[in-house]
Amino acid sequence: MSNDAGQPTDEAAEPDMAHWDTHVGIESLDLETVKDLPFEVAYEALDEAVRRLETGDLSLENSIAIYERGIALSARCGSLLEAAELRVQQVDADGQVTGEVAL
């Protein structure tokens, strides 16, 4: 496949983020949604969770809710990074993928 300039593109390398807002507010995330987030969105939401918790101006209930989301986001990011690492390890010396791992 090629782009408008006729240059080849590698669409498989890019996650389908068209339906994800580039900024997902931590309060708007439910734990079910987290498991479908692409890495970039999950990482940004995790960063926001950490910033919010560090401010110390949240109620105990809000702090716990954001902490729970942060744990789920951390697990999602870790899972995606592990899959990416495995995929990189499966590339042989000639640059050919020796196995298929879905992200």
C-alpha atoms as a PDB file:
ATOM      1  CA  MET A   1       0.000   0.000   0.000  1.00  0.00           C
ATOM      2  CA  SER A   2       1.182   3.563  -0.641  1.00  0.00           C
ATOM      3  CA  ASN A   3       0.324   7.035   0.602  1.00  0.00           C
ATOM      4  CA  ASP A   4      -0.799  10.015  -1.514  1.00  0.00           C
ATOM      5  CA  ALA A   5       2.814  10.755  -2.404  1.00  0.00           C
ATOM      6  CA  GLY A   6       3.232   7.232  -3.784  1.00  0.00           C
ATOM      7  CA  GLN A   7       5.538   6.186  -0.960  1.00  0.00           C
ATOM      8  CA  PRO A   8       5.021   2.744   0.572  1.00  0.00           C
ATOM      9  CA  THR A   9       3.413   2.656   3.976  1.00  0.00           C
ATOM     10  CA  ASP A  10       3.434   0.003   6.656  1.00  0.00           C
ATOM     11  CA  GLU A  11      -0.089   0.184   8.028  1.00  0.00           C
ATOM     12  CA  ALA A  12       0.381  -2.993  10.048  1.00  0.00           C
ATOM     13  CA  ALA A  13       2.969  -1.212  12.206  1.00  0.00           C
ATOM     14  CA  GLU A  14       0.549   1.532  13.227  1.00  0.00           C
ATOM     15  CA  PRO A  15      -2.330   0.800  15.613  1.00  0.00           C
ATOM     16  CA  ASP A  16      -5.797   1.792  14.487  1.00  0.00           C
ATOM     17  CA  MET A  17      -6.256   4.853  16.652  1.00  0.00           C
ATOM     18  CA  ALA A  18      -8.818   6.615  14.451  1.00  0.00           C
ATOM     19  CA  HIS A  19     -11.613   6.036  16.943  1.00  0.00           C
ATOM     20  CA  TRP A  20      -9.548   6.946  20.026  1.00  0.00           C
ATOM     21  CA  ASP A  21      -9.297  10.510  21.202  1.00  0.00           C
ATOM     22  CA  THR A  22      -5.647  11.471  21.578  1.00  0.00           C
ATOM     23  CA  HIS A  23      -6.463  12.409  25.152  1.00  0.00           C
ATOM     24  CA  VAL A  24      -8.636  10.049  27.151  1.00  0.00           C
ATOM     25  CA  GLY A  25      -9.511  11.496  30.545  1.00  0.00           C
ATOM     26  CA  ILE A  26      -8.755   9.127  33.392  1.00  0.00           C
ATOM     27  CA  GLU A  27     -12.214   9.609  34.913  1.00  0.00           C
ATOM     28  CA  SER A  28     -13.913   8.612  31.654  1.00  0.00           C
ATOM     29  CA  LEU A  29     -12.174   5.225  31.490  1.00  0.00           C
ATOM     30  CA  ASP A  30     -13.834   2.105  32.756  1.00  0.00           C
ATOM     31  CA  LEU A  31     -11.809  -1.020  33.410  1.00  0.00           C
ATOM     32  CA  GLU A  32     -13.322  -2.830  30.403  1.00  0.00           C
ATOM     33  CA  THR A  33     -12.255  -0.052  28.024  1.00  0.00           C
ATOM     34  CA  VAL A  34      -8.659  -0.184  29.237  1.00  0.00           C
ATOM     35  CA  LYS A  35      -8.044  -3.636  27.753  1.00  0.00           C
ATOM     36  CA  ASP A  36      -8.769  -2.317  24.240  1.00  0.00           C
ATOM     37  CA  LEU A  37      -6.634   0.828  24.365  1.00  0.00           C
ATOM     38  CA  PRO A  38      -3.668   1.173  22.033  1.00  0.00           C
ATOM     39  CA  PHE A  39      -0.341   1.632  23.816  1.00  0.00           C
ATOM     40  CA  GLU A  40      -0.009   5.370  23.208  1.00  0.00           C
ATOM     41  CA  VAL A  41      -3.457   6.140  24.624  1.00  0.00           C
ATOM     42  CA  ALA A  42      -3.020   3.807  27.601  1.00  0.00           C
ATOM     43  CA  TYR A  43       0.382   5.312  28.399  1.00  0.00           C
ATOM     44  CA  GLU A  44      -0.963   8.863  28.249  1.00  0.00           C
ATOM     45  CA  ALA A  45      -3.882   7.929  30.515  1.00  0.00           C
ATOM     46  CA  LEU A  46      -1.480   6.229  32.949  1.00  0.00           C
ATOM     47  CA  ASP A  47       0.672   9.355  33.007  1.00  0.00           C
ATOM     48  CA  GLU A  48      -2.429  11.423  33.754  1.00  0.00           C
ATOM     49  CA  ALA A  49      -3.394   9.048  36.585  1.00  0.00           C
ATOM     50  CA  VAL A  50       0.035   9.443  38.169  1.00  0.00           C
ATOM     51  CA  ARG A  51      -0.102  13.250  37.865  1.00  0.00           C
ATOM     52  CA  ARG A  52      -3.572  13.367  39.409  1.00  0.00           C
ATOM     53  CA  LEU A  53      -2.574  11.137  42.319  1.00  0.00           C
ATOM     54  CA  GLU A  54       0.583  13.165  42.951  1.00  0.00           C
ATOM     55  CA  THR A  55      -1.407  16.375  43.396  1.00  0.00           C
ATOM     56  CA  GLY A  56      -2.928  15.003  46.586  1.00  0.00           C
ATOM     57  CA  ASP A  57      -6.077  17.090  46.184  1.00  0.00           C
ATOM     58  CA  LEU A  58      -8.437  14.169  45.481  1.00  0.00           C
ATOM     59  CA  SER A  59     -10.916  12.621  47.845  1.00  0.00           C
ATOM     60  CA  LEU A  60     -10.081   9.177  49.152  1.00  0.00           C
ATOM     61  CA  GLU A  61     -12.762   7.605  46.937  1.00  0.00           C
ATOM     62  CA  ASN A  62     -11.489   9.362  43.798  1.00  0.00           C
ATOM     63  CA  SER A  63      -7.908   8.456  44.666  1.00  0.00           C
ATOM     64  CA  ILE A  64      -8.812   4.787  44.965  1.00  0.00           C
ATOM     65  CA  ALA A  65     -10.764   4.829  41.685  1.00  0.00           C
ATOM     66  CA  ILE A  66      -7.895   6.485  39.816  1.00  0.00           C
ATOM     67  CA  TYR A  67      -5.400   4.100  41.429  1.00  0.00           C
ATOM     68  CA  GLU A  68      -7.462   1.111  40.226  1.00  0.00           C
ATOM     69  CA  ARG A  69      -7.538   2.509  36.695  1.00  0.00           C
ATOM     70  CA  GLY A  70      -3.810   3.178  36.890  1.00  0.00           C
ATOM     71  CA  ILE A  71      -3.108  -0.447  37.822  1.00  0.00           C
ATOM     72  CA  ALA A  72      -5.207  -1.632  34.855  1.00  0.00           C
ATOM     73  CA  LEU A  73      -3.451   0.834  32.532  1.00  0.00           C
ATOM     74  CA  SER A  74      -0.041  -0.288  33.774  1.00  0.00           C
ATOM     75  CA  ALA A  75      -0.968  -3.920  33.099  1.00  0.00           C
ATOM     76  CA  ARG A  76      -2.198  -3.017  29.602  1.00  0.00           C
ATOM     77  CA  CYS A  77       1.011  -1.127  28.769  1.00  0.00           C
ATOM     78  CA  GLY A  78       3.120  -3.967  30.164  1.00  0.00           C
ATOM     79  CA  SER A  79       1.240  -6.552  28.135  1.00  0.00           C
ATOM     80  CA  LEU A  80       1.636  -4.574  24.917  1.00  0.00           C
ATOM     81  CA  LEU A  81       5.343  -3.999  25.584  1.00  0.00           C
ATOM     82  CA  GLU A  82       5.900  -7.713  26.245  1.00  0.00           C
ATOM     83  CA  ALA A  83       4.153  -8.590  22.964  1.00  0.00           C
ATOM     84  CA  ALA A  84       6.258  -6.021  21.108  1.00  0.00           C
ATOM     85  CA  GLU A  85       9.453  -7.360  22.667  1.00  0.00           C
ATOM     86  CA  LEU A  86       8.547 -10.912  21.655  1.00  0.00           C
ATOM     87  CA  ARG A  87       7.844  -9.728  18.141  1.00  0.00           C
ATOM     88  CA  VAL A  88      11.236  -7.997  17.939  1.00  0.00           C
ATOM     89  CA  GLN A  89      12.940 -11.158  19.201  1.00  0.00           C
ATOM     90  CA  GLN A  90      11.273 -13.133  16.411  1.00  0.00           C
ATOM     91  CA  VAL A  91      12.930 -11.103  13.672  1.00  0.00           C
ATOM     92  CA  ASP A  92      15.839 -13.058  12.241  1.00  0.00           C
ATOM     93  CA  ALA A  93      19.153 -11.649  10.999  1.00  0.00           C
ATOM     94  CA  ASP A  94      17.699 -11.028   7.524  1.00  0.00           C
ATOM     95  CA  GLY A  95      14.877  -8.917   8.963  1.00  0.00           C
ATOM     96  CA  GLN A  96      12.269 -11.597   8.362  1.00  0.00           C
ATOM     97  CA  VAL A  97       9.690 -12.317  11.030  1.00  0.00           C
ATOM     98  CA  THR A  98      10.118 -15.908  12.174  1.00  0.00           C
ATOM     99  CA  GLY A  99       6.738 -16.057  13.924  1.00  0.00           C
ATOM    100  CA  GLU A 100       3.491 -14.145  14.135  1.00  0.00           C
ATOM    101  CA  VAL A 101       2.490 -12.359  17.330  1.00  0.00           C
ATOM    102  CA  ALA A 102      -0.608 -10.182  17.352  1.00  0.00           C
ATOM    103  CA  LEU A 103      -0.436  -6.990  19.359  1.00  0.00           C
END
